[in-house]
Amino acid sequence: QVQLVESGGGLVQAGGSLRLSCGASRRITTINSMTWYRQAPGKQREWVGSSYSDGIIDYADAVKGRFTISIDKAKNTGDLQMNKVKPEDTGVYYCKVSKDYGQGIQVTVSS
């Protein structure tokens, strides 16, 4: 089982930017694709977006045009660049590679 570790979360003002990163704790797998989810307080986990191994990247409507997923094969990491954030973007963000999830990282957007 691969251990995924997220970093880069925290508190940001509405309209600002934040960049989350996700990497494997041990280089026992090559990251070719990655999916990001988030879970707001009191709500179900929702899909944010996916970068697929064929190069296709897809986003939920709520974040399309504001968030960008990228994969750095040299570093074996994946990033979620969050721009023009809104208070409704607040939640715990999780990366997923294959069947493995990260532990989650808190993002709080203040109004």
N, C-alpha and C. Protein backbone atom coordinates (compact mmCIF):
# COMPACT_ATOMS: atom_id res chain seq x y z
N GLN A 1 0.85 -1.19 0.00
CA GLN A 1 0.00 0.00 0.00
C GLN A 1 0.88 1.24 0.00
N VAL A 2 0.57 2.17 -0.87
CA VAL A 2 1.34 3.39 -0.97
C VAL A 2 0.82 4.40 0.03
N GLN A 3 1.74 5.07 0.72
CA GLN A 3 1.33 6.15 1.62
C GLN A 3 1.46 7.47 0.87
N LEU A 4 0.35 8.18 0.79
CA LEU A 4 0.34 9.48 0.13
C LEU A 4 0.30 10.57 1.18
N VAL A 5 1.09 11.60 0.96
CA VAL A 5 1.19 12.69 1.92
C VAL A 5 0.87 14.01 1.22
N GLU A 6 -0.13 14.71 1.75
CA GLU A 6 -0.48 16.02 1.21
C GLU A 6 0.20 17.11 2.01
N SER A 7 0.45 18.23 1.36
CA SER A 7 1.02 19.40 2.03
C SER A 7 0.50 20.66 1.35
N GLY A 8 0.67 21.78 2.04
CA GLY A 8 0.33 23.07 1.44
C GLY A 8 -1.00 23.66 1.87
N GLY A 9 -1.73 22.97 2.71
CA GLY A 9 -3.01 23.51 3.14
C GLY A 9 -2.84 24.65 4.12
N GLY A 10 -3.97 25.20 4.55
CA GLY A 10 -3.92 26.28 5.52
C GLY A 10 -5.07 27.24 5.36
N LEU A 11 -4.84 28.44 5.85
CA LEU A 11 -5.86 29.48 5.82
C LEU A 11 -5.53 30.48 4.71
N VAL A 12 -6.54 30.83 3.93
CA VAL A 12 -6.35 31.78 2.85
C VAL A 12 -7.59 32.66 2.75
N GLN A 13 -7.39 33.89 2.35
CA GLN A 13 -8.53 34.79 2.19
C GLN A 13 -9.23 34.52 0.87
N ALA A 14 -10.51 34.80 0.84
CA ALA A 14 -11.28 34.65 -0.39
C ALA A 14 -10.64 35.49 -1.50
N GLY A 15 -10.55 34.88 -2.66
CA GLY A 15 -9.90 35.54 -3.79
C GLY A 15 -8.43 35.22 -3.92
N GLY A 16 -7.87 34.61 -2.91
CA GLY A 16 -6.46 34.28 -2.91
C GLY A 16 -6.17 32.94 -3.56
N SER A 17 -4.94 32.49 -3.39
CA SER A 17 -4.50 31.23 -4.01
C SER A 17 -3.82 30.34 -2.98
N LEU A 18 -3.87 29.07 -3.27
CA LEU A 18 -3.22 28.07 -2.43
C LEU A 18 -2.82 26.91 -3.33
N ARG A 19 -1.72 26.28 -3.01
CA ARG A 19 -1.25 25.15 -3.81
C ARG A 19 -1.06 23.94 -2.91
N LEU A 20 -1.78 22.88 -3.21
CA LEU A 20 -1.63 21.63 -2.47
C LEU A 20 -0.75 20.69 -3.26
N SER A 21 0.07 19.93 -2.54
CA SER A 21 0.91 18.93 -3.17
C SER A 21 0.64 17.57 -2.56
N CYS A 22 0.86 16.55 -3.36
CA CYS A 22 0.64 15.18 -2.90
C CYS A 22 1.76 14.32 -3.47
N GLY A 23 2.43 13.59 -2.59
CA GLY A 23 3.49 12.72 -3.04
C GLY A 23 3.47 11.41 -2.29
N ALA A 24 4.12 10.43 -2.85
CA ALA A 24 4.22 9.13 -2.20
C ALA A 24 5.35 9.16 -1.18
N SER A 25 5.10 8.58 -0.02
CA SER A 25 6.11 8.59 1.03
C SER A 25 7.31 7.74 0.64
N ARG A 26 7.08 6.77 -0.18
CA ARG A 26 8.18 5.96 -0.71
C ARG A 26 7.97 5.83 -2.20
N ARG A 27 9.05 5.88 -2.94
CA ARG A 27 8.93 5.80 -4.39
C ARG A 27 8.75 4.35 -4.81
N ILE A 28 7.58 3.83 -4.48
CA ILE A 28 7.31 2.46 -4.87
C ILE A 28 6.25 2.42 -5.96
N THR A 29 5.80 3.58 -6.33
CA THR A 29 4.87 3.64 -7.44
C THR A 29 5.13 4.92 -8.21
N THR A 30 4.89 4.90 -9.47
CA THR A 30 5.02 6.09 -10.30
C THR A 30 3.66 6.73 -10.45
N ILE A 31 3.62 8.01 -10.12
CA ILE A 31 2.35 8.73 -10.20
C ILE A 31 2.13 9.18 -11.63
N ASN A 32 1.18 8.56 -12.31
CA ASN A 32 0.81 8.94 -13.67
C ASN A 32 -0.57 9.59 -13.73
N SER A 33 -1.32 9.41 -12.68
CA SER A 33 -2.66 9.98 -12.63
C SER A 33 -2.97 10.31 -11.17
N MET A 34 -3.87 11.23 -10.98
CA MET A 34 -4.22 11.63 -9.62
C MET A 34 -5.61 12.24 -9.61
N THR A 35 -6.33 11.96 -8.56
CA THR A 35 -7.64 12.55 -8.34
C THR A 35 -7.65 13.28 -7.01
N TRP A 36 -8.35 14.39 -6.99
CA TRP A 36 -8.51 15.16 -5.76
C TRP A 36 -9.98 15.17 -5.36
N TYR A 37 -10.20 15.01 -4.07
CA TYR A 37 -11.54 15.08 -3.49
C TYR A 37 -11.49 16.13 -2.36
N ARG A 38 -12.66 16.53 -1.92
CA ARG A 38 -12.73 17.39 -0.75
C ARG A 38 -13.99 17.07 0.03
N GLN A 39 -13.94 17.40 1.30
CA GLN A 39 -15.09 17.18 2.15
C GLN A 39 -15.28 18.39 3.05
N ALA A 40 -16.38 19.06 2.85
CA ALA A 40 -16.72 20.21 3.68
C ALA A 40 -17.38 19.73 4.96
N PRO A 41 -17.34 20.53 6.01
CA PRO A 41 -17.96 20.12 7.28
C PRO A 41 -19.43 19.78 7.09
N GLY A 42 -19.82 18.63 7.56
CA GLY A 42 -21.22 18.21 7.50
C GLY A 42 -21.69 17.75 6.14
N LYS A 43 -20.76 17.64 5.18
CA LYS A 43 -21.15 17.24 3.83
C LYS A 43 -20.39 15.99 3.41
N GLN A 44 -20.89 15.37 2.36
CA GLN A 44 -20.20 14.18 1.84
C GLN A 44 -18.96 14.59 1.05
N ARG A 45 -18.05 13.66 0.95
CA ARG A 45 -16.87 13.89 0.14
C ARG A 45 -17.28 14.07 -1.32
N GLU A 46 -16.67 15.06 -1.98
CA GLU A 46 -17.02 15.30 -3.38
C GLU A 46 -15.77 15.31 -4.25
N TRP A 47 -15.96 14.94 -5.46
CA TRP A 47 -14.88 14.91 -6.44
C TRP A 47 -14.55 16.34 -6.87
N VAL A 48 -13.26 16.63 -6.92
CA VAL A 48 -12.78 17.96 -7.34
C VAL A 48 -12.26 17.91 -8.77
N GLY A 49 -11.48 16.90 -9.06
CA GLY A 49 -10.94 16.79 -10.41
C GLY A 49 -9.96 15.64 -10.52
N SER A 50 -9.65 15.27 -11.75
CA SER A 50 -8.76 14.15 -12.01
C SER A 50 -7.82 14.47 -13.17
N SER A 51 -6.61 14.02 -13.01
CA SER A 51 -5.64 14.04 -14.11
C SER A 51 -5.38 12.58 -14.47
N TYR A 52 -5.73 12.21 -15.69
CA TYR A 52 -5.65 10.82 -16.09
C TYR A 52 -4.33 10.52 -16.79
N SER A 53 -3.99 9.26 -16.86
CA SER A 53 -2.70 8.85 -17.42
C SER A 53 -2.61 9.14 -18.92
N ASP A 54 -3.75 9.33 -19.58
CA ASP A 54 -3.72 9.63 -21.01
C ASP A 54 -3.59 11.14 -21.27
N GLY A 55 -3.45 11.91 -20.18
CA GLY A 55 -3.26 13.35 -20.33
C GLY A 55 -4.52 14.16 -20.19
N ILE A 56 -5.66 13.50 -20.15
CA ILE A 56 -6.92 14.22 -19.99
C ILE A 56 -7.06 14.68 -18.53
N ILE A 57 -7.49 15.91 -18.36
CA ILE A 57 -7.75 16.45 -17.02
C ILE A 57 -9.18 16.96 -17.00
N ASP A 58 -9.89 16.60 -15.96
CA ASP A 58 -11.29 16.98 -15.85
C ASP A 58 -11.55 17.55 -14.47
N TYR A 59 -12.49 18.49 -14.40
CA TYR A 59 -12.78 19.18 -13.14
C TYR A 59 -14.27 19.22 -12.87
N ALA A 60 -14.59 19.29 -11.60
CA ALA A 60 -15.97 19.54 -11.21
C ALA A 60 -16.34 20.96 -11.63
N ASP A 61 -17.61 21.14 -11.95
CA ASP A 61 -18.07 22.46 -12.39
C ASP A 61 -17.77 23.55 -11.35
N ALA A 62 -17.83 23.18 -10.08
CA ALA A 62 -17.65 24.17 -9.01
C ALA A 62 -16.25 24.77 -9.00
N VAL A 63 -15.27 24.07 -9.58
CA VAL A 63 -13.89 24.56 -9.52
C VAL A 63 -13.31 24.82 -10.90
N LYS A 64 -14.05 24.48 -11.94
CA LYS A 64 -13.54 24.62 -13.30
C LYS A 64 -13.18 26.08 -13.57
N GLY A 65 -12.00 26.28 -14.13
CA GLY A 65 -11.54 27.63 -14.43
C GLY A 65 -10.77 28.27 -13.28
N ARG A 66 -10.83 27.67 -12.11
CA ARG A 66 -10.13 28.22 -10.93
C ARG A 66 -9.05 27.29 -10.42
N PHE A 67 -9.28 26.00 -10.50
CA PHE A 67 -8.34 25.01 -9.99
C PHE A 67 -7.63 24.32 -11.16
N THR A 68 -6.36 23.95 -10.90
CA THR A 68 -5.58 23.25 -11.92
C THR A 68 -4.84 22.08 -11.28
N ILE A 69 -4.96 20.92 -11.88
CA ILE A 69 -4.24 19.73 -11.42
C ILE A 69 -3.06 19.51 -12.35
N SER A 70 -1.92 19.24 -11.76
CA SER A 70 -0.73 18.94 -12.56
C SER A 70 0.04 17.81 -11.89
N ILE A 71 0.79 17.10 -12.70
CA ILE A 71 1.63 16.02 -12.20
C ILE A 71 3.06 16.27 -12.62
N ASP A 72 3.97 16.19 -11.66
CA ASP A 72 5.40 16.36 -11.93
C ASP A 72 6.04 14.98 -11.86
N LYS A 73 6.29 14.40 -13.02
CA LYS A 73 6.81 13.03 -13.03
C LYS A 73 8.23 12.96 -12.50
N ALA A 74 8.99 14.03 -12.65
CA ALA A 74 10.36 14.04 -12.14
C ALA A 74 10.38 13.96 -10.61
N LYS A 75 9.42 14.65 -9.99
CA LYS A 75 9.34 14.66 -8.52
C LYS A 75 8.40 13.56 -8.01
N ASN A 76 7.65 12.97 -8.94
CA ASN A 76 6.65 11.95 -8.55
C ASN A 76 5.63 12.54 -7.58
N THR A 77 5.16 13.73 -7.91
CA THR A 77 4.15 14.39 -7.09
C THR A 77 3.04 14.92 -7.98
N GLY A 78 1.94 15.26 -7.35
CA GLY A 78 0.84 15.90 -8.04
C GLY A 78 0.43 17.12 -7.26
N ASP A 79 0.00 18.17 -7.95
CA ASP A 79 -0.39 19.40 -7.30
C ASP A 79 -1.82 19.79 -7.65
N LEU A 80 -2.42 20.52 -6.73
CA LEU A 80 -3.72 21.13 -6.98
C LEU A 80 -3.55 22.63 -6.74
N GLN A 81 -3.50 23.39 -7.81
CA GLN A 81 -3.39 24.84 -7.71
C GLN A 81 -4.78 25.42 -7.60
N MET A 82 -5.02 26.14 -6.52
CA MET A 82 -6.34 26.69 -6.25
C MET A 82 -6.25 28.21 -6.34
N ASN A 83 -6.93 28.77 -7.31
CA ASN A 83 -6.94 30.23 -7.49
C ASN A 83 -8.35 30.78 -7.27
N LYS A 84 -8.42 32.05 -6.98
CA LYS A 84 -9.71 32.72 -6.77
C LYS A 84 -10.59 31.89 -5.83
N VAL A 85 -10.02 31.50 -4.72
CA VAL A 85 -10.75 30.61 -3.82
C VAL A 85 -11.94 31.33 -3.19
N LYS A 86 -12.92 30.53 -2.82
CA LYS A 86 -14.16 31.03 -2.23
C LYS A 86 -14.36 30.35 -0.87
N PRO A 87 -15.15 30.96 -0.01
CA PRO A 87 -15.41 30.31 1.29
C PRO A 87 -15.97 28.89 1.14
N GLU A 88 -16.72 28.65 0.09
CA GLU A 88 -17.28 27.30 -0.12
C GLU A 88 -16.23 26.29 -0.55
N ASP A 89 -15.02 26.72 -0.79
CA ASP A 89 -13.93 25.79 -1.06
C ASP A 89 -13.33 25.22 0.23
N THR A 90 -13.79 25.71 1.35
CA THR A 90 -13.30 25.22 2.63
C THR A 90 -13.60 23.74 2.82
N GLY A 91 -12.62 23.00 3.32
CA GLY A 91 -12.83 21.59 3.58
C GLY A 91 -11.51 20.86 3.72
N VAL A 92 -11.62 19.58 3.90
CA VAL A 92 -10.44 18.72 3.92
C VAL A 92 -10.25 18.16 2.52
N TYR A 93 -9.06 18.32 2.00
CA TYR A 93 -8.75 17.88 0.64
C TYR A 93 -7.92 16.61 0.68
N TYR A 94 -8.30 15.69 -0.19
CA TYR A 94 -7.64 14.39 -0.25
C TYR A 94 -7.13 14.13 -1.67
N CYS A 95 -5.93 13.61 -1.78
CA CYS A 95 -5.47 13.14 -3.07
C CYS A 95 -5.65 11.62 -3.11
N LYS A 96 -5.79 11.12 -4.31
CA LYS A 96 -5.95 9.68 -4.50
C LYS A 96 -5.12 9.25 -5.70
N VAL A 97 -4.34 8.21 -5.52
CA VAL A 97 -3.57 7.59 -6.59
C VAL A 97 -3.91 6.11 -6.58
N SER A 98 -4.42 5.64 -7.70
CA SER A 98 -4.90 4.26 -7.78
C SER A 98 -5.96 4.05 -6.70
N LYS A 99 -5.75 3.15 -5.76
CA LYS A 99 -6.75 2.92 -4.72
C LYS A 99 -6.40 3.61 -3.40
N ASP A 100 -5.30 4.30 -3.37
CA ASP A 100 -4.79 4.86 -2.12
C ASP A 100 -5.13 6.34 -1.97
N TYR A 101 -5.56 6.71 -0.76
CA TYR A 101 -5.87 8.09 -0.42
C TYR A 101 -4.79 8.66 0.50
N GLY A 102 -4.61 9.97 0.40
CA GLY A 102 -3.80 10.65 1.39
C GLY A 102 -4.58 10.82 2.68
N GLN A 103 -3.92 11.36 3.68
CA GLN A 103 -4.56 11.50 4.99
C GLN A 103 -5.50 12.69 5.04
N GLY A 104 -5.42 13.55 4.06
CA GLY A 104 -6.26 14.73 4.02
C GLY A 104 -5.56 15.94 4.60
N ILE A 105 -5.88 17.10 4.07
CA ILE A 105 -5.28 18.33 4.55
C ILE A 105 -6.34 19.43 4.55
N GLN A 106 -6.32 20.23 5.61
CA GLN A 106 -7.36 21.24 5.79
C GLN A 106 -7.07 22.48 4.95
N VAL A 107 -8.11 22.95 4.29
CA VAL A 107 -8.08 24.24 3.59
C VAL A 107 -9.24 25.07 4.14
N THR A 108 -8.92 26.25 4.61
CA THR A 108 -9.94 27.15 5.14
C THR A 108 -9.86 28.47 4.40
N VAL A 109 -10.98 28.87 3.83
CA VAL A 109 -11.05 30.12 3.09
C VAL A 109 -11.91 31.09 3.89
N SER A 110 -11.30 32.20 4.27
CA SER A 110 -12.03 33.20 5.05
C SER A 110 -12.64 34.24 4.13
N SER A 111 -13.80 34.73 4.54
CA SER A 111 -14.51 35.72 3.70
C SER A 111 -14.11 37.13 4.08
